[in-house]
Amino acid sequence: MIDVAIPTTDGRELYLTRYTEPEPELRLLLDKLKLTLPAQPSPRITTHPDGPPQTPL
């Protein structure tokens, strides 16, 4: 699992929590055990805690 934070032009951040695709060997094991991975979570948008980033002069 990985969390990706993408800054937006208005000072907020878009957070994407993503599961990577399993390797073929692991996928085979998951299939044999009849296990499924959870669905990808929805993205979250948050306000930057210190306000919008400042543009350097």
PDB file of N, CA and C in Angstrom:
ATOM      1  N   MET A   1       0.855  -1.163   0.000  1.00  0.00           N
ATOM      2  CA  MET A   1       0.000   0.000   0.000  1.00  0.00           C
ATOM      3  C   MET A   1       0.902   1.227   0.000  1.00  0.00           C
ATOM      4  N   ILE A   2       0.443   2.275  -0.701  1.00  0.00           N
ATOM      5  CA  ILE A   2       1.214   3.498  -0.794  1.00  0.00           C
ATOM      6  C   ILE A   2       0.265   4.688  -0.686  1.00  0.00           C
ATOM      7  N   ASP A   3       0.713   5.757  -0.030  1.00  0.00           N
ATOM      8  CA  ASP A   3      -0.030   7.008   0.040  1.00  0.00           C
ATOM      9  C   ASP A   3       0.669   8.017  -0.856  1.00  0.00           C
ATOM     10  N   VAL A   4      -0.098   8.621  -1.753  1.00  0.00           N
ATOM     11  CA  VAL A   4       0.439   9.620  -2.677  1.00  0.00           C
ATOM     12  C   VAL A   4      -0.235  10.945  -2.346  1.00  0.00           C
ATOM     13  N   ALA A   5       0.568  11.995  -2.099  1.00  0.00           N
ATOM     14  CA  ALA A   5       0.038  13.335  -1.836  1.00  0.00           C
ATOM     15  C   ALA A   5       0.361  14.216  -3.034  1.00  0.00           C
ATOM     16  N   ILE A   6      -0.671  14.788  -3.633  1.00  0.00           N
ATOM     17  CA  ILE A   6      -0.507  15.646  -4.803  1.00  0.00           C
ATOM     18  C   ILE A   6      -0.968  17.044  -4.425  1.00  0.00           C
ATOM     19  N   PRO A   7      -0.056  18.036  -4.440  1.00  0.00           N
ATOM     20  CA  PRO A   7      -0.476  19.403  -4.113  1.00  0.00           C
ATOM     21  C   PRO A   7      -1.337  19.990  -5.229  1.00  0.00           C
ATOM     22  N   THR A   8      -2.299  20.808  -4.836  1.00  0.00           N
ATOM     23  CA  THR A   8      -3.147  21.483  -5.817  1.00  0.00           C
ATOM     24  C   THR A   8      -2.720  22.944  -5.911  1.00  0.00           C
ATOM     25  N   THR A   9      -3.185  23.633  -6.924  1.00  0.00           N
ATOM     26  CA  THR A   9      -2.797  25.036  -7.127  1.00  0.00           C
ATOM     27  C   THR A   9      -3.418  25.974  -6.102  1.00  0.00           C
ATOM     28  N   ASP A  10      -4.448  25.514  -5.377  1.00  0.00           N
ATOM     29  CA  ASP A  10      -5.086  26.383  -4.378  1.00  0.00           C
ATOM     30  C   ASP A  10      -4.628  26.082  -2.952  1.00  0.00           C
ATOM     31  N   GLY A  11      -3.522  25.344  -2.796  1.00  0.00           N
ATOM     32  CA  GLY A  11      -2.944  25.113  -1.477  1.00  0.00           C
ATOM     33  C   GLY A  11      -3.442  23.872  -0.760  1.00  0.00           C
ATOM     34  N   ARG A  12      -4.351  23.134  -1.363  1.00  0.00           N
ATOM     35  CA  ARG A  12      -4.811  21.900  -0.741  1.00  0.00           C
ATOM     36  C   ARG A  12      -3.973  20.735  -1.261  1.00  0.00           C
ATOM     37  N   GLU A  13      -4.189  19.564  -0.690  1.00  0.00           N
ATOM     38  CA  GLU A  13      -3.493  18.366  -1.147  1.00  0.00           C
ATOM     39  C   GLU A  13      -4.505  17.269  -1.416  1.00  0.00           C
ATOM     40  N   LEU A  14      -4.282  16.556  -2.490  1.00  0.00           N
ATOM     41  CA  LEU A  14      -5.101  15.413  -2.854  1.00  0.00           C
ATOM     42  C   LEU A  14      -4.347  14.171  -2.409  1.00  0.00           C
ATOM     43  N   TYR A  15      -4.951  13.380  -1.511  1.00  0.00           N
ATOM     44  CA  TYR A  15      -4.318  12.169  -0.999  1.00  0.00           C
ATOM     45  C   TYR A  15      -4.944  10.950  -1.650  1.00  0.00           C
ATOM     46  N   LEU A  16      -4.108  10.116  -2.227  1.00  0.00           N
ATOM     47  CA  LEU A  16      -4.554   8.867  -2.830  1.00  0.00           C
ATOM     48  C   LEU A  16      -3.863   7.714  -2.119  1.00  0.00           C
ATOM     49  N   THR A  17      -4.636   6.874  -1.473  1.00  0.00           N
ATOM     50  CA  THR A  17      -4.097   5.658  -0.875  1.00  0.00           C
ATOM     51  C   THR A  17      -4.334   4.548  -1.887  1.00  0.00           C
ATOM     52  N   ARG A  18      -3.280   3.899  -2.306  1.00  0.00           N
ATOM     53  CA  ARG A  18      -3.389   2.900  -3.358  1.00  0.00           C
ATOM     54  C   ARG A  18      -2.711   1.600  -2.967  1.00  0.00           C
ATOM     55  N   TYR A  19      -3.336   0.512  -3.395  1.00  0.00           N
ATOM     56  CA  TYR A  19      -2.750  -0.810  -3.241  1.00  0.00           C
ATOM     57  C   TYR A  19      -2.055  -1.151  -4.548  1.00  0.00           C
ATOM     58  N   THR A  20      -0.866  -1.684  -4.456  1.00  0.00           N
ATOM     59  CA  THR A  20      -0.166  -2.095  -5.672  1.00  0.00           C
ATOM     60  C   THR A  20      -0.701  -3.441  -6.135  1.00  0.00           C
ATOM     61  N   GLU A  21      -0.499  -3.754  -7.386  1.00  0.00           N
ATOM     62  CA  GLU A  21      -0.916  -5.042  -7.926  1.00  0.00           C
ATOM     63  C   GLU A  21       0.067  -6.111  -7.454  1.00  0.00           C
ATOM     64  N   PRO A  22      -0.450  -7.245  -6.963  1.00  0.00           N
ATOM     65  CA  PRO A  22       0.451  -8.301  -6.505  1.00  0.00           C
ATOM     66  C   PRO A  22       1.213  -8.948  -7.671  1.00  0.00           C
ATOM     67  N   GLU A  23       2.387  -9.447  -7.353  1.00  0.00           N
ATOM     68  CA  GLU A  23       3.182 -10.192  -8.331  1.00  0.00           C
ATOM     69  C   GLU A  23       2.384 -11.428  -8.765  1.00  0.00           C
ATOM     70  N   PRO A  24       2.670 -11.978  -9.949  1.00  0.00           N
ATOM     71  CA  PRO A  24       1.912 -13.142 -10.429  1.00  0.00           C
ATOM     72  C   PRO A  24       1.898 -14.316  -9.445  1.00  0.00           C
ATOM     73  N   GLU A  25       3.020 -14.570  -8.773  1.00  0.00           N
ATOM     74  CA  GLU A  25       3.068 -15.692  -7.817  1.00  0.00           C
ATOM     75  C   GLU A  25       2.139 -15.441  -6.634  1.00  0.00           C
ATOM     76  N   LEU A  26       2.122 -14.199  -6.152  1.00  0.00           N
ATOM     77  CA  LEU A  26       1.249 -13.859  -5.035  1.00  0.00           C
ATOM     78  C   LEU A  26      -0.213 -13.880  -5.485  1.00  0.00           C
ATOM     79  N   ARG A  27      -0.487 -13.410  -6.695  1.00  0.00           N
ATOM     80  CA  ARG A  27      -1.846 -13.444  -7.227  1.00  0.00           C
ATOM     81  C   ARG A  27      -2.354 -14.884  -7.287  1.00  0.00           C
ATOM     82  N   LEU A  28      -1.501 -15.821  -7.719  1.00  0.00           N
ATOM     83  CA  LEU A  28      -1.870 -17.234  -7.779  1.00  0.00           C
ATOM     84  C   LEU A  28      -2.214 -17.752  -6.386  1.00  0.00           C
ATOM     85  N   LEU A  29      -1.401 -17.410  -5.401  1.00  0.00           N
ATOM     86  CA  LEU A  29      -1.649 -17.824  -4.028  1.00  0.00           C
ATOM     87  C   LEU A  29      -2.963 -17.243  -3.513  1.00  0.00           C
ATOM     88  N   LEU A  30      -3.196 -15.956  -3.760  1.00  0.00           N
ATOM     89  CA  LEU A  30      -4.451 -15.333  -3.324  1.00  0.00           C
ATOM     90  C   LEU A  30      -5.651 -16.017  -3.969  1.00  0.00           C
ATOM     91  N   ASP A  31      -5.531 -16.327  -5.259  1.00  0.00           N
ATOM     92  CA  ASP A  31      -6.630 -17.012  -5.959  1.00  0.00           C
ATOM     93  C   ASP A  31      -6.883 -18.403  -5.379  1.00  0.00           C
ATOM     94  N   LYS A  32      -5.814 -19.154  -5.110  1.00  0.00           N
ATOM     95  CA  LYS A  32      -5.963 -20.510  -4.556  1.00  0.00           C
ATOM     96  C   LYS A  32      -6.603 -20.479  -3.170  1.00  0.00           C
ATOM     97  N   LEU A  33      -6.288 -19.437  -2.390  1.00  0.00           N
ATOM     98  CA  LEU A  33      -6.864 -19.305  -1.048  1.00  0.00           C
ATOM     99  C   LEU A  33      -8.222 -18.607  -1.064  1.00  0.00           C
ATOM    100  N   LYS A  34      -8.670 -18.253  -2.267  1.00  0.00           N
ATOM    101  CA  LYS A  34      -9.953 -17.559  -2.439  1.00  0.00           C
ATOM    102  C   LYS A  34     -10.013 -16.260  -1.626  1.00  0.00           C
ATOM    103  N   LEU A  35      -8.899 -15.524  -1.669  1.00  0.00           N
ATOM    104  CA  LEU A  35      -8.810 -14.233  -0.987  1.00  0.00           C
ATOM    105  C   LEU A  35      -8.869 -13.119  -2.023  1.00  0.00           C
ATOM    106  N   THR A  36      -9.485 -12.014  -1.650  1.00  0.00           N
ATOM    107  CA  THR A  36      -9.529 -10.852  -2.529  1.00  0.00           C
ATOM    108  C   THR A  36      -8.960  -9.648  -1.794  1.00  0.00           C
ATOM    109  N   LEU A  37      -8.356  -8.756  -2.554  1.00  0.00           N
ATOM    110  CA  LEU A  37      -7.840  -7.523  -1.970  1.00  0.00           C
ATOM    111  C   LEU A  37      -8.990  -6.537  -1.818  1.00  0.00           C
ATOM    112  N   PRO A  38      -8.896  -5.634  -0.838  1.00  0.00           N
ATOM    113  CA  PRO A  38      -9.967  -4.646  -0.677  1.00  0.00           C
ATOM    114  C   PRO A  38     -10.002  -3.685  -1.856  1.00  0.00           C
ATOM    115  N   ALA A  39     -11.129  -3.029  -2.029  1.00  0.00           N
ATOM    116  CA  ALA A  39     -11.268  -2.031  -3.094  1.00  0.00           C
ATOM    117  C   ALA A  39     -10.381  -0.830  -2.788  1.00  0.00           C
ATOM    118  N   GLN A  40      -9.979  -0.137  -3.847  1.00  0.00           N
ATOM    119  CA  GLN A  40      -9.171   1.070  -3.668  1.00  0.00           C
ATOM    120  C   GLN A  40     -10.011   2.115  -2.927  1.00  0.00           C
ATOM    121  N   PRO A  41      -9.438   2.756  -1.885  1.00  0.00           N
ATOM    122  CA  PRO A  41     -10.182   3.805  -1.180  1.00  0.00           C
ATOM    123  C   PRO A  41     -10.376   5.040  -2.054  1.00  0.00           C
ATOM    124  N   SER A  42     -11.380   5.831  -1.728  1.00  0.00           N
ATOM    125  CA  SER A  42     -11.629   7.086  -2.440  1.00  0.00           C
ATOM    126  C   SER A  42     -10.549   8.101  -2.098  1.00  0.00           C
ATOM    127  N   PRO A  43     -10.241   9.030  -3.025  1.00  0.00           N
ATOM    128  CA  PRO A  43      -9.264  10.081  -2.724  1.00  0.00           C
ATOM    129  C   PRO A  43      -9.793  11.021  -1.650  1.00  0.00           C
ATOM    130  N   ARG A  44      -8.866  11.646  -0.931  1.00  0.00           N
ATOM    131  CA  ARG A  44      -9.213  12.636   0.092  1.00  0.00           C
ATOM    132  C   ARG A  44      -8.550  13.957  -0.290  1.00  0.00           C
ATOM    133  N   ILE A  45      -9.237  15.063  -0.081  1.00  0.00           N
ATOM    134  CA  ILE A  45      -8.654  16.385  -0.305  1.00  0.00           C
ATOM    135  C   ILE A  45      -8.595  17.077   1.047  1.00  0.00           C
ATOM    136  N   THR A  46      -7.405  17.571   1.403  1.00  0.00           N
ATOM    137  CA  THR A  46      -7.230  18.246   2.686  1.00  0.00           C
ATOM    138  C   THR A  46      -6.622  19.624   2.469  1.00  0.00           C
ATOM    139  N   THR A  47      -6.828  20.486   3.447  1.00  0.00           N
ATOM    140  CA  THR A  47      -6.217  21.809   3.432  1.00  0.00           C
ATOM    141  C   THR A  47      -4.832  21.707   4.031  1.00  0.00           C
ATOM    142  N   HIS A  48      -3.881  22.378   3.428  1.00  0.00           N
ATOM    143  CA  HIS A  48      -2.512  22.376   3.938  1.00  0.00           C
ATOM    144  C   HIS A  48      -2.529  23.005   5.326  1.00  0.00           C
ATOM    145  N   PRO A  49      -1.887  22.406   6.337  1.00  0.00           N
ATOM    146  CA  PRO A  49      -1.974  22.914   7.716  1.00  0.00           C
ATOM    147  C   PRO A  49      -1.414  24.328   7.881  1.00  0.00           C
ATOM    148  N   ASP A  50      -0.471  24.746   7.060  1.00  0.00           N
ATOM    149  CA  ASP A  50       0.141  26.069   7.192  1.00  0.00           C
ATOM    150  C   ASP A  50      -0.417  27.061   6.184  1.00  0.00           C
ATOM    151  N   GLY A  51      -1.539  26.741   5.546  1.00  0.00           N
ATOM    152  CA  GLY A  51      -2.100  27.610   4.532  1.00  0.00           C
ATOM    153  C   GLY A  51      -1.480  27.303   3.170  1.00  0.00           C
ATOM    154  N   PRO A  52      -1.834  28.087   2.176  1.00  0.00           N
ATOM    155  CA  PRO A  52      -1.295  27.830   0.835  1.00  0.00           C
ATOM    156  C   PRO A  52       0.212  28.014   0.795  1.00  0.00           C
ATOM    157  N   PRO A  53       0.912  27.236  -0.025  1.00  0.00           N
ATOM    158  CA  PRO A  53       2.362  27.401  -0.123  1.00  0.00           C
ATOM    159  C   PRO A  53       2.699  28.771  -0.704  1.00  0.00           C
ATOM    160  N   GLN A  54       3.783  29.348  -0.239  1.00  0.00           N
ATOM    161  CA  GLN A  54       4.227  30.650  -0.706  1.00  0.00           C
ATOM    162  C   GLN A  54       5.083  30.509  -1.940  1.00  0.00           C
ATOM    163  N   THR A  55       4.887  31.404  -2.897  1.00  0.00           N
ATOM    164  CA  THR A  55       5.701  31.407  -4.115  1.00  0.00           C
ATOM    165  C   THR A  55       6.977  32.204  -3.835  1.00  0.00           C
ATOM    166  N   PRO A  56       8.159  31.627  -4.128  1.00  0.00           N
ATOM    167  CA  PRO A  56       9.394  32.373  -3.876  1.00  0.00           C
ATOM    168  C   PRO A  56       9.475  33.617  -4.779  1.00  0.00           C
ATOM    169  N   LEU A  57      10.094  34.677  -4.253  1.00  0.00           N
ATOM    170  CA  LEU A  57      10.256  35.922  -5.029  1.00  0.00           C
ATOM    171  C   LEU A  57      11.449  35.873  -5.928  1.00  0.00           C
TER     172      LEU A  57
END
